[in-house]
PDB file of N, CA and C in Angstrom:
ATOM      1  N   MET A   1       0.772  -1.330   0.101  1.00  0.00           N
ATOM      2  CA  MET A   1      -0.131  -0.146  -0.017  1.00  0.00           C
ATOM      3  C   MET A   1       0.609   1.186  -0.091  1.00  0.00           C
ATOM      4  N   THR A   2       0.516   2.078  -0.667  1.00  0.00           N
ATOM      5  CA  THR A   2       1.381   3.462  -1.032  1.00  0.00           C
ATOM      6  C   THR A   2       1.090   4.064   0.076  1.00  0.00           C
ATOM      7  N   THR A   3       1.840   5.143   0.441  1.00  0.00           N
ATOM      8  CA  THR A   3       1.626   6.181   1.568  1.00  0.00           C
ATOM      9  C   THR A   3       0.356   6.991   1.310  1.00  0.00           C
ATOM     10  N   GLU A   4       0.322   7.399  -0.064  1.00  0.00           N
ATOM     11  CA  GLU A   4      -1.014   8.159  -0.482  1.00  0.00           C
ATOM     12  C   GLU A   4      -2.321   7.197  -0.092  1.00  0.00           C
ATOM     13  N   HIS A   5      -2.328   6.244  -0.548  1.00  0.00           N
ATOM     14  CA  HIS A   5      -3.393   5.451  -0.200  1.00  0.00           C
ATOM     15  C   HIS A   5      -3.706   5.163   1.344  1.00  0.00           C
ATOM     16  N   PHE A   6      -2.539   4.702   1.879  1.00  0.00           N
ATOM     17  CA  PHE A   6      -2.738   4.735   3.350  1.00  0.00           C
ATOM     18  C   PHE A   6      -3.325   6.121   3.928  1.00  0.00           C
ATOM     19  N   ASP A   7      -2.785   7.100   3.612  1.00  0.00           N
ATOM     20  CA  ASP A   7      -3.280   8.296   4.070  1.00  0.00           C
ATOM     21  C   ASP A   7      -4.658   8.539   3.779  1.00  0.00           C
ATOM     22  N   ARG A   8      -5.103   8.332   2.624  1.00  0.00           N
ATOM     23  CA  ARG A   8      -6.863   8.212   2.298  1.00  0.00           C
ATOM     24  C   ARG A   8      -7.644   7.473   2.928  1.00  0.00           C
ATOM     25  N   VAL A   9      -7.223   6.102   3.294  1.00  0.00           N
ATOM     26  CA  VAL A   9      -7.734   5.276   4.184  1.00  0.00           C
ATOM     27  C   VAL A   9      -8.009   5.821   5.454  1.00  0.00           C
ATOM     28  N   ILE A  10      -6.913   6.357   5.972  1.00  0.00           N
ATOM     29  CA  ILE A  10      -6.929   6.694   7.580  1.00  0.00           C
ATOM     30  C   ILE A  10      -7.885   8.275   7.605  1.00  0.00           C
ATOM     31  N   GLU A  11      -7.654   9.041   6.544  1.00  0.00           N
ATOM     32  CA  GLU A  11      -8.543  10.460   6.585  1.00  0.00           C
ATOM     33  C   GLU A  11      -9.911  10.097   6.370  1.00  0.00           C
ATOM     34  N   TYR A  12     -10.285   9.036   5.612  1.00  0.00           N
ATOM     35  CA  TYR A  12     -11.475   8.714   5.215  1.00  0.00           C
ATOM     36  C   TYR A  12     -12.239   8.134   6.742  1.00  0.00           C
ATOM     37  N   ARG A  13     -11.679   7.362   7.173  1.00  0.00           N
ATOM     38  CA  ARG A  13     -11.949   6.698   8.502  1.00  0.00           C
ATOM     39  C   ARG A  13     -12.256   7.556   9.542  1.00  0.00           C
ATOM     40  N   LEU A  14     -11.115   8.338   9.777  1.00  0.00           N
ATOM     41  CA  LEU A  14     -11.481   9.725  10.815  1.00  0.00           C
ATOM     42  C   LEU A  14     -12.667  10.593  10.674  1.00  0.00           C
ATOM     43  N   SER A  15     -12.886  10.912   9.379  1.00  0.00           N
ATOM     44  CA  SER A  15     -13.976  11.704   9.092  1.00  0.00           C
ATOM     45  C   SER A  15     -15.216  10.885   9.199  1.00  0.00           C
ATOM     46  N   GLU A  16     -15.167   9.540   8.618  1.00  0.00           N
ATOM     47  CA  GLU A  16     -16.445   8.895   8.784  1.00  0.00           C
ATOM     48  C   GLU A  16     -16.681   8.765  10.489  1.00  0.00           C
ATOM     49  N   CYS A  17     -16.039   8.497  11.367  1.00  0.00           N
ATOM     50  CA  CYS A  17     -16.088   8.297  12.725  1.00  0.00           C
ATOM     51  C   CYS A  17     -16.698   9.456  13.330  1.00  0.00           C
ATOM     52  N   LYS A  18     -16.131  10.815  12.764  1.00  0.00           N
ATOM     53  CA  LYS A  18     -16.905  11.905  13.430  1.00  0.00           C
ATOM     54  C   LYS A  18     -18.052  11.969  12.920  1.00  0.00           C
ATOM     55  N   ARG A  19     -18.345  12.033  11.420  1.00  0.00           N
ATOM     56  CA  ARG A  19     -19.764  12.149  11.183  1.00  0.00           C
ATOM     57  C   ARG A  19     -20.841  11.048  11.922  1.00  0.00           C
ATOM     58  N   VAL A  20     -20.268   9.738  11.914  1.00  0.00           N
ATOM     59  CA  VAL A  20     -21.402   8.853  12.783  1.00  0.00           C
ATOM     60  C   VAL A  20     -21.547   9.390  14.140  1.00  0.00           C
ATOM     61  N   LEU A  21     -20.502   9.591  14.688  1.00  0.00           N
ATOM     62  CA  LEU A  21     -20.445  10.053  16.214  1.00  0.00           C
ATOM     63  C   LEU A  21     -21.869  11.254  16.259  1.00  0.00           C
ATOM     64  N   ILE A  22     -21.577  12.285  15.681  1.00  0.00           N
ATOM     65  CA  ILE A  22     -22.300  13.499  15.512  1.00  0.00           C
ATOM     66  C   ILE A  22     -23.795  13.007  15.042  1.00  0.00           C
ATOM     67  N   GLU A  23     -24.003  12.386  14.147  1.00  0.00           N
ATOM     68  CA  GLU A  23     -25.141  11.632  13.808  1.00  0.00           C
ATOM     69  C   GLU A  23     -25.927  11.119  14.841  1.00  0.00           C
ATOM     70  N   LYS A  24     -25.120  10.168  15.521  1.00  0.00           N
ATOM     71  CA  LYS A  24     -25.843   9.118  16.371  1.00  0.00           C
ATOM     72  C   LYS A  24     -26.229   9.989  17.835  1.00  0.00           C
ATOM     73  N   ALA A  25     -25.308  10.732  17.996  1.00  0.00           N
ATOM     74  CA  ALA A  25     -25.500  11.600  19.332  1.00  0.00           C
ATOM     75  C   ALA A  25     -26.908  12.361  19.172  1.00  0.00           C
ATOM     76  N   LYS A  26     -27.334  12.866  17.946  1.00  0.00           N
ATOM     77  CA  LYS A  26     -28.848  13.403  17.838  1.00  0.00           C
ATOM     78  C   LYS A  26     -29.725  12.324  18.098  1.00  0.00           C
ATOM     79  N   GLU A  27     -29.490  10.962  18.021  1.00  0.00           N
ATOM     80  CA  GLU A  27     -30.272  10.073  18.127  1.00  0.00           C
ATOM     81  C   GLU A  27     -30.572   9.460  19.634  1.00  0.00           C
ATOM     82  N   TYR A  28     -29.311   9.308  20.294  1.00  0.00           N
ATOM     83  CA  TYR A  28     -28.952   8.651  21.466  1.00  0.00           C
ATOM     84  C   TYR A  28     -28.773   9.618  22.621  1.00  0.00           C
ATOM     85  N   ALA A  29     -28.206  10.816  22.514  1.00  0.00           N
ATOM     86  CA  ALA A  29     -28.061  11.590  23.470  1.00  0.00           C
ATOM     87  C   ALA A  29     -29.189  12.510  23.863  1.00  0.00           C
ATOM     88  N   LYS A  30     -29.405  12.774  25.134  1.00  0.00           N
ATOM     89  CA  LYS A  30     -30.313  13.798  25.512  1.00  0.00           C
ATOM     90  C   LYS A  30     -30.015  15.210  25.533  1.00  0.00           C
ATOM     91  N   GLY A  31     -30.044  15.788  24.426  1.00  0.00           N
ATOM     92  CA  GLY A  31     -29.777  17.196  23.959  1.00  0.00           C
ATOM     93  C   GLY A  31     -28.187  17.224  24.287  1.00  0.00           C
ATOM     94  N   ASP A  32     -27.754  18.473  24.719  1.00  0.00           N
ATOM     95  CA  ASP A  32     -26.263  18.892  25.140  1.00  0.00           C
ATOM     96  C   ASP A  32     -25.799  18.603  26.364  1.00  0.00           C
ATOM     97  N   ASP A  33     -26.714  18.231  27.405  1.00  0.00           N
ATOM     98  CA  ASP A  33     -26.520  17.923  28.512  1.00  0.00           C
ATOM     99  C   ASP A  33     -25.941  16.771  29.009  1.00  0.00           C
ATOM    100  N   ASP A  34     -26.225  15.532  28.055  1.00  0.00           N
ATOM    101  CA  ASP A  34     -25.937  13.978  28.429  1.00  0.00           C
ATOM    102  C   ASP A  34     -25.486  13.445  27.013  1.00  0.00           C
ATOM    103  N   LYS A  35     -24.351  13.776  26.555  1.00  0.00           N
ATOM    104  CA  LYS A  35     -24.030  12.864  25.346  1.00  0.00           C
ATOM    105  C   LYS A  35     -23.895  11.379  25.647  1.00  0.00           C
ATOM    106  N   LEU A  36     -23.761  11.158  26.695  1.00  0.00           N
ATOM    107  CA  LEU A  36     -23.410   9.581  27.229  1.00  0.00           C
ATOM    108  C   LEU A  36     -24.580   8.975  27.843  1.00  0.00           C
ATOM    109  N   HIS A  37     -25.876   9.675  27.306  1.00  0.00           N
ATOM    110  CA  HIS A  37     -26.944   9.173  28.121  1.00  0.00           C
ATOM    111  C   HIS A  37     -27.312   7.599  28.087  1.00  0.00           C
ATOM    112  N   ASN A  38     -27.062   7.124  26.852  1.00  0.00           N
ATOM    113  CA  ASN A  38     -27.507   5.601  26.785  1.00  0.00           C
ATOM    114  C   ASN A  38     -26.710   5.051  27.550  1.00  0.00           C
ATOM    115  N   PHE A  39     -25.418   5.350  27.850  1.00  0.00           N
ATOM    116  CA  PHE A  39     -24.528   4.455  28.502  1.00  0.00           C
ATOM    117  C   PHE A  39     -24.732   5.048  30.048  1.00  0.00           C
ATOM    118  N   ASN A  40     -25.152   5.826  30.509  1.00  0.00           N
ATOM    119  CA  ASN A  40     -25.659   6.053  31.770  1.00  0.00           C
ATOM    120  C   ASN A  40     -26.845   5.316  32.273  1.00  0.00           C
ATOM    121  N   ARG A  41     -28.039   5.080  31.381  1.00  0.00           N
ATOM    122  CA  ARG A  41     -29.029   4.164  31.566  1.00  0.00           C
ATOM    123  C   ARG A  41     -28.705   2.929  31.722  1.00  0.00           C
ATOM    124  N   ALA A  42     -27.842   2.401  30.578  1.00  0.00           N
ATOM    125  CA  ALA A  42     -27.247   0.889  30.648  1.00  0.00           C
ATOM    126  C   ALA A  42     -26.603   0.801  31.859  1.00  0.00           C
ATOM    127  N   ALA A  43     -25.871   1.508  32.415  1.00  0.00           N
ATOM    128  CA  ALA A  43     -25.143   1.411  33.691  1.00  0.00           C
ATOM    129  C   ALA A  43     -26.195   1.386  34.941  1.00  0.00           C
ATOM    130  N   GLN A  44     -27.078   2.129  34.917  1.00  0.00           N
ATOM    131  CA  GLN A  44     -28.337   1.973  35.674  1.00  0.00           C
ATOM    132  C   GLN A  44     -28.642   0.335  35.802  1.00  0.00           C
ATOM    133  N   VAL A  45     -28.926   0.088  34.475  1.00  0.00           N
ATOM    134  CA  VAL A  45     -29.814  -1.132  34.471  1.00  0.00           C
ATOM    135  C   VAL A  45     -28.791  -2.526  35.050  1.00  0.00           C
ATOM    136  N   THR A  46     -27.588  -2.385  34.721  1.00  0.00           N
ATOM    137  CA  THR A  46     -26.648  -3.433  34.837  1.00  0.00           C
ATOM    138  C   THR A  46     -25.997  -3.263  36.378  1.00  0.00           C
ATOM    139  N   GLY A  47     -25.957  -1.919  36.859  1.00  0.00           N
ATOM    140  CA  GLY A  47     -25.426  -1.773  38.216  1.00  0.00           C
ATOM    141  C   GLY A  47     -23.781  -1.681  38.152  1.00  0.00           C
ATOM    142  N   GLU A  48     -23.387  -1.534  36.714  1.00  0.00           N
ATOM    143  CA  GLU A  48     -21.934  -1.470  36.787  1.00  0.00           C
ATOM    144  C   GLU A  48     -21.635   0.079  36.351  1.00  0.00           C
ATOM    145  N   CYS A  49     -20.525   0.381  36.330  1.00  0.00           N
ATOM    146  CA  CYS A  49     -19.879   1.914  35.907  1.00  0.00           C
ATOM    147  C   CYS A  49     -20.201   1.832  34.364  1.00  0.00           C
ATOM    148  N   ARG A  50     -20.473   3.048  33.989  1.00  0.00           N
ATOM    149  CA  ARG A  50     -20.731   3.542  32.752  1.00  0.00           C
ATOM    150  C   ARG A  50     -19.638   2.863  31.664  1.00  0.00           C
ATOM    151  N   GLU A  51     -18.374   2.970  32.128  1.00  0.00           N
ATOM    152  CA  GLU A  51     -17.405   2.359  31.268  1.00  0.00           C
ATOM    153  C   GLU A  51     -17.464   0.869  30.761  1.00  0.00           C
ATOM    154  N   LYS A  52     -17.701   0.311  31.926  1.00  0.00           N
ATOM    155  CA  LYS A  52     -18.273  -1.199  31.714  1.00  0.00           C
ATOM    156  C   LYS A  52     -19.661  -1.341  30.686  1.00  0.00           C
ATOM    157  N   ALA A  53     -20.556  -0.460  30.639  1.00  0.00           N
ATOM    158  CA  ALA A  53     -21.666  -0.565  29.784  1.00  0.00           C
ATOM    159  C   ALA A  53     -21.095  -0.284  28.528  1.00  0.00           C
ATOM    160  N   ILE A  54     -20.160   0.796  28.222  1.00  0.00           N
ATOM    161  CA  ILE A  54     -19.784   1.337  26.901  1.00  0.00           C
ATOM    162  C   ILE A  54     -18.938  -0.019  26.427  1.00  0.00           C
ATOM    163  N   PHE A  55     -17.929  -0.774  27.259  1.00  0.00           N
ATOM    164  CA  PHE A  55     -17.311  -1.633  26.793  1.00  0.00           C
ATOM    165  C   PHE A  55     -18.112  -2.963  26.454  1.00  0.00           C
ATOM    166  N   GLY A  56     -19.404  -3.141  26.977  1.00  0.00           N
ATOM    167  CA  GLY A  56     -20.314  -4.184  26.533  1.00  0.00           C
ATOM    168  C   GLY A  56     -20.628  -4.061  25.390  1.00  0.00           C
ATOM    169  N   PHE A  57     -21.092  -2.796  24.996  1.00  0.00           N
ATOM    170  CA  PHE A  57     -21.574  -2.322  23.483  1.00  0.00           C
ATOM    171  C   PHE A  57     -20.251  -2.544  22.674  1.00  0.00           C
ATOM    172  N   PHE A  58     -19.244  -2.282  22.916  1.00  0.00           N
ATOM    173  CA  PHE A  58     -18.035  -2.603  22.018  1.00  0.00           C
ATOM    174  C   PHE A  58     -17.788  -3.791  21.707  1.00  0.00           C
ATOM    175  N   LEU A  59     -17.743  -4.556  22.666  1.00  0.00           N
ATOM    176  CA  LEU A  59     -17.508  -6.157  22.640  1.00  0.00           C
ATOM    177  C   LEU A  59     -18.240  -6.689  21.476  1.00  0.00           C
ATOM    178  N   LYS A  60     -19.388  -6.226  21.169  1.00  0.00           N
ATOM    179  CA  LYS A  60     -20.202  -6.908  20.293  1.00  0.00           C
ATOM    180  C   LYS A  60     -19.449  -6.666  18.929  1.00  0.00           C
ATOM    181  N   HIS A  61     -19.083  -5.272  18.725  1.00  0.00           N
ATOM    182  CA  HIS A  61     -18.389  -4.960  17.468  1.00  0.00           C
ATOM    183  C   HIS A  61     -17.044  -5.761  17.313  1.00  0.00           C
ATOM    184  N   LEU A  62     -16.179  -5.855  18.643  1.00  0.00           N
ATOM    185  CA  LEU A  62     -14.979  -6.465  18.538  1.00  0.00           C
ATOM    186  C   LEU A  62     -15.053  -8.071  18.036  1.00  0.00           C
ATOM    187  N   VAL A  63     -16.262  -8.632  18.561  1.00  0.00           N
ATOM    188  CA  VAL A  63     -16.487  -9.996  18.218  1.00  0.00           C
ATOM    189  C   VAL A  63     -16.576 -10.139  16.543  1.00  0.00           C
ATOM    190  N   SER A  64     -17.318  -8.946  15.953  1.00  0.00           N
ATOM    191  CA  SER A  64     -17.459  -9.037  14.625  1.00  0.00           C
ATOM    192  C   SER A  64     -16.293  -8.985  13.868  1.00  0.00           C
ATOM    193  N   VAL A  65     -15.347  -8.000  14.200  1.00  0.00           N
ATOM    194  CA  VAL A  65     -14.155  -7.683  13.648  1.00  0.00           C
ATOM    195  C   VAL A  65     -13.151  -9.097  13.957  1.00  0.00           C
ATOM    196  N   MET A  66     -13.230  -9.634  14.949  1.00  0.00           N
ATOM    197  CA  MET A  66     -12.521 -11.235  15.184  1.00  0.00           C
ATOM    198  C   MET A  66     -13.081 -11.787  13.908  1.00  0.00           C
ATOM    199  N   ASP A  67     -14.235 -12.091  14.038  1.00  0.00           N
ATOM    200  CA  ASP A  67     -14.781 -12.832  12.905  1.00  0.00           C
ATOM    201  C   ASP A  67     -14.449 -12.688  11.623  1.00  0.00           C
ATOM    202  N   ILE A  68     -14.319 -11.389  11.162  1.00  0.00           N
ATOM    203  CA  ILE A  68     -13.902 -11.035   9.919  1.00  0.00           C
ATOM    204  C   ILE A  68     -12.314 -11.444   9.690  1.00  0.00           C
ATOM    205  N   VAL A  69     -11.587 -11.351  10.658  1.00  0.00           N
ATOM    206  CA  VAL A  69      -9.975 -11.475  10.586  1.00  0.00           C
ATOM    207  C   VAL A  69      -9.961 -12.983  10.735  1.00  0.00           C
ATOM    208  N   ASP A  70     -10.781 -13.685  11.526  1.00  0.00           N
ATOM    209  CA  ASP A  70     -10.850 -15.451  11.551  1.00  0.00           C
ATOM    210  C   ASP A  70     -10.933 -16.006   9.908  1.00  0.00           C
ATOM    211  N   GLU A  71     -12.078 -15.310   9.271  1.00  0.00           N
ATOM    212  CA  GLU A  71     -12.560 -15.601   8.136  1.00  0.00           C
ATOM    213  C   GLU A  71     -11.558 -15.447   6.954  1.00  0.00           C
ATOM    214  N   MET A  72     -10.680 -14.322   6.978  1.00  0.00           N
ATOM    215  CA  MET A  72      -9.698 -14.082   6.206  1.00  0.00           C
ATOM    216  C   MET A  72      -8.699 -15.072   6.084  1.00  0.00           C
ATOM    217  N   ASN A  73      -8.513 -15.507   7.504  1.00  0.00           N
ATOM    218  CA  ASN A  73      -7.462 -16.714   7.335  1.00  0.00           C
ATOM    219  C   ASN A  73      -7.997 -18.021   6.441  1.00  0.00           C
ATOM    220  N   LYS A  74      -9.146 -17.954   6.070  1.00  0.00           N
ATOM    221  CA  LYS A  74      -9.598 -18.757   4.928  1.00  0.00           C
ATOM    222  C   LYS A  74      -9.532 -18.527   3.622  1.00  0.00           C
ATOM    223  N   ASN A  75      -8.878 -17.530   3.399  1.00  0.00           N
ATOM    224  CA  ASN A  75      -8.797 -16.897   2.162  1.00  0.00           C
ATOM    225  C   ASN A  75     -10.117 -16.002   1.595  1.00  0.00           C
ATOM    226  N   TYR A  76     -10.893 -15.335   2.531  1.00  0.00           N
ATOM    227  CA  TYR A  76     -11.886 -14.693   2.523  1.00  0.00           C
ATOM    228  C   TYR A  76     -11.696 -13.382   2.364  1.00  0.00           C
ATOM    229  N   ILE A  77     -12.289 -12.480   1.341  1.00  0.00           N
ATOM    230  CA  ILE A  77     -12.037 -11.157   1.479  1.00  0.00           C
ATOM    231  C   ILE A  77     -13.538 -10.275   1.820  1.00  0.00           C
ATOM    232  N   PRO A  78     -13.481  -9.644   2.976  1.00  0.00           N
ATOM    233  CA  PRO A  78     -14.858  -9.068   3.154  1.00  0.00           C
ATOM    234  C   PRO A  78     -15.079  -7.822   2.246  1.00  0.00           C
ATOM    235  N   ASN A  79     -16.491  -7.647   2.167  1.00  0.00           N
ATOM    236  CA  ASN A  79     -16.725  -6.495   1.306  1.00  0.00           C
ATOM    237  C   ASN A  79     -16.573  -5.209   2.055  1.00  0.00           C
ATOM    238  N   LYS A  80     -16.519  -4.321   1.501  1.00  0.00           N
ATOM    239  CA  LYS A  80     -15.910  -3.011   2.015  1.00  0.00           C
ATOM    240  C   LYS A  80     -16.968  -2.485   3.011  1.00  0.00           C
ATOM    241  N   ASP A  81     -18.276  -2.684   2.684  1.00  0.00           N
ATOM    242  CA  ASP A  81     -19.159  -1.786   3.365  1.00  0.00           C
ATOM    243  C   ASP A  81     -19.298  -2.594   4.775  1.00  0.00           C
ATOM    244  N   LEU A  82     -19.209  -3.963   5.076  1.00  0.00           N
ATOM    245  CA  LEU A  82     -19.012  -4.724   6.114  1.00  0.00           C
ATOM    246  C   LEU A  82     -17.673  -4.235   7.014  1.00  0.00           C
ATOM    247  N   VAL A  83     -16.685  -4.121   6.439  1.00  0.00           N
ATOM    248  CA  VAL A  83     -15.243  -3.748   6.914  1.00  0.00           C
ATOM    249  C   VAL A  83     -15.609  -2.113   7.410  1.00  0.00           C
ATOM    250  N   GLU A  84     -15.866  -1.217   6.876  1.00  0.00           N
ATOM    251  CA  GLU A  84     -16.266  -0.193   7.142  1.00  0.00           C
ATOM    252  C   GLU A  84     -17.150   0.063   8.150  1.00  0.00           C
ATOM    253  N   GLU A  85     -18.302  -0.452   8.322  1.00  0.00           N
ATOM    254  CA  GLU A  85     -19.219  -0.820   9.331  1.00  0.00           C
ATOM    255  C   GLU A  85     -18.628  -1.055  10.822  1.00  0.00           C
ATOM    256  N   LYS A  86     -18.036  -2.125  10.678  1.00  0.00           N
ATOM    257  CA  LYS A  86     -17.321  -2.895  11.878  1.00  0.00           C
ATOM    258  C   LYS A  86     -16.203  -2.168  12.253  1.00  0.00           C
ATOM    259  N   ILE A  87     -15.263  -1.709  11.577  1.00  0.00           N
ATOM    260  CA  ILE A  87     -13.943  -1.078  12.118  1.00  0.00           C
ATOM    261  C   ILE A  87     -14.379   0.304  12.616  1.00  0.00           C
ATOM    262  N   GLY A  88     -15.379   0.969  11.911  1.00  0.00           N
ATOM    263  CA  GLY A  88     -15.922   2.309  12.148  1.00  0.00           C
ATOM    264  C   GLY A  88     -16.520   2.381  13.871  1.00  0.00           C
ATOM    265  N   ASP A  89     -17.472   1.170  13.836  1.00  0.00           N
ATOM    266  CA  ASP A  89     -18.134   1.078  15.158  1.00  0.00           C
ATOM    267  C   ASP A  89     -17.070   0.814  16.182  1.00  0.00           C
ATOM    268  N   SER A  90     -16.194  -0.051  15.846  1.00  0.00           N
ATOM    269  CA  SER A  90     -15.106  -0.364  17.153  1.00  0.00           C
ATOM    270  C   SER A  90     -14.546   0.923  17.395  1.00  0.00           C
ATOM    271  N   ILE A  91     -14.103   1.670  16.526  1.00  0.00           N
ATOM    272  CA  ILE A  91     -13.079   3.009  16.706  1.00  0.00           C
ATOM    273  C   ILE A  91     -14.252   3.882  17.606  1.00  0.00           C
ATOM    274  N   ASN A  92     -15.471   3.899  17.245  1.00  0.00           N
ATOM    275  CA  ASN A  92     -16.232   4.873  17.761  1.00  0.00           C
ATOM    276  C   ASN A  92     -16.438   4.488  19.342  1.00  0.00           C
ATOM    277  N   TYR A  93     -16.823   3.034  19.609  1.00  0.00           N
ATOM    278  CA  TYR A  93     -16.858   2.828  21.013  1.00  0.00           C
ATOM    279  C   TYR A  93     -15.616   2.869  21.787  1.00  0.00           C
ATOM    280  N   LEU A  94     -14.310   2.835  21.356  1.00  0.00           N
ATOM    281  CA  LEU A  94     -13.476   3.289  21.848  1.00  0.00           C
ATOM    282  C   LEU A  94     -13.129   4.848  22.549  1.00  0.00           C
ATOM    283  N   LEU A  95     -13.818   5.610  21.216  1.00  0.00           N
ATOM    284  CA  LEU A  95     -13.545   6.943  21.433  1.00  0.00           C
ATOM    285  C   LEU A  95     -14.768   7.389  22.561  1.00  0.00           C
ATOM    286  N   LEU A  96     -15.624   6.782  22.414  1.00  0.00           N
ATOM    287  CA  LEU A  96     -16.652   7.179  23.603  1.00  0.00           C
ATOM    288  C   LEU A  96     -16.163   6.399  24.889  1.00  0.00           C
ATOM    289  N   LEU A  97     -15.704   5.635  24.905  1.00  0.00           N
ATOM    290  CA  LEU A  97     -15.015   5.107  26.388  1.00  0.00           C
ATOM    291  C   LEU A  97     -13.949   6.244  26.820  1.00  0.00           C
ATOM    292  N   GLU A  98     -13.154   6.585  25.999  1.00  0.00           N
ATOM    293  CA  GLU A  98     -12.168   7.779  26.373  1.00  0.00           C
ATOM    294  C   GLU A  98     -12.999   8.906  26.572  1.00  0.00           C
ATOM    295  N   ALA A  99     -13.962   9.207  25.884  1.00  0.00           N
ATOM    296  CA  ALA A  99     -14.802  10.483  26.457  1.00  0.00           C
ATOM    297  C   ALA A  99     -15.489  10.347  27.771  1.00  0.00           C
ATOM    298  N   SER A 100     -16.020   9.083  28.036  1.00  0.00           N
ATOM    299  CA  SER A 100     -16.510   8.904  29.514  1.00  0.00           C
ATOM    300  C   SER A 100     -15.338   8.663  30.470  1.00  0.00           C
ATOM    301  N   ILE A 101     -14.281   8.383  30.134  1.00  0.00           N
ATOM    302  CA  ILE A 101     -13.003   8.431  31.399  1.00  0.00           C
ATOM    303  C   ILE A 101     -12.674  10.022  31.508  1.00  0.00           C
ATOM    304  N   GLU A 102     -12.669  10.532  30.262  1.00  0.00           N
ATOM    305  CA  GLU A 102     -12.166  12.131  30.595  1.00  0.00           C
ATOM    306  C   GLU A 102     -13.219  12.962  31.004  1.00  0.00           C
ATOM    307  N   ASP A 103     -14.382  12.529  31.095  1.00  0.00           N
ATOM    308  CA  ASP A 103     -15.598  13.160  31.726  1.00  0.00           C
ATOM    309  C   ASP A 103     -15.512  13.125  33.357  1.00  0.00           C
ATOM    310  N   LYS A 104     -15.254  11.766  33.478  1.00  0.00           N
ATOM    311  CA  LYS A 104     -15.095  11.555  35.210  1.00  0.00           C
ATOM    312  C   LYS A 104     -13.793  12.290  35.727  1.00  0.00           C
ATOM    313  N   ARG A 105     -12.858  12.233  34.805  1.00  0.00           N
ATOM    314  CA  ARG A 105     -11.512  12.879  35.109  1.00  0.00           C
ATOM    315  C   ARG A 105     -11.869  14.371  35.477  1.00  0.00           C
ATOM    316  N   ASN A 106     -12.564  15.156  34.771  1.00  0.00           N
ATOM    317  CA  ASN A 106     -12.926  16.350  34.681  1.00  0.00           C
ATOM    318  C   ASN A 106     -13.923  16.843  35.906  1.00  0.00           C
ATOM    319  N   LYS A 107     -14.736  15.861  36.218  1.00  0.00           N
ATOM    320  CA  LYS A 107     -15.372  16.025  37.354  1.00  0.00           C
ATOM    321  C   LYS A 107     -15.095  15.422  38.883  1.00  0.00           C
ATOM    322  N   ASN A 108     -13.522  14.890  38.492  1.00  0.00           N
ATOM    323  CA  ASN A 108     -12.817  14.272  39.675  1.00  0.00           C
ATOM    324  C   ASN A 108     -13.791  13.190  40.490  1.00  0.00           C
ATOM    325  N   LEU A 109     -14.434  12.536  39.710  1.00  0.00           N
ATOM    326  CA  LEU A 109     -15.476  11.305  40.279  1.00  0.00           C
ATOM    327  C   LEU A 109     -14.579  10.226  40.578  1.00  0.00           C
ATOM    328  N   PRO A 110     -14.779   9.471  41.824  1.00  0.00           N
ATOM    329  CA  PRO A 110     -13.992   8.432  42.169  1.00  0.00           C
ATOM    330  C   PRO A 110     -14.257   7.273  41.518  1.00  0.00           C
ATOM    331  N   PHE A 111     -15.376   7.208  40.816  1.00  0.00           N
ATOM    332  CA  PHE A 111     -15.762   5.767  40.087  1.00  0.00           C
ATOM    333  C   PHE A 111     -15.658   5.752  38.656  1.00  0.00           C
TER     334      PHE A 111
END
């Protein structure tokens, strides 16, 4: 892969992650006050911290990526849409996890 092609792949992925996070925030967040609303609610239901809830959502996508990699060991090349969706979702959940941790750090919360 050339440097130019690699750079295009990275730039595209980062812009898509941002686009999806902004779009999904309109659906899942409660206004500007709680961008992590769904994860706060999930944490209430499970009795775990918000970060465990985010990790649970992320795990589903990680398993999908693992399945793709396993299939590639059998000379399977996944279609572009599937790869974009699963990789993008995985990155986004890691970004949400980082945002959650940073939110608690800024609020000096002990949990």
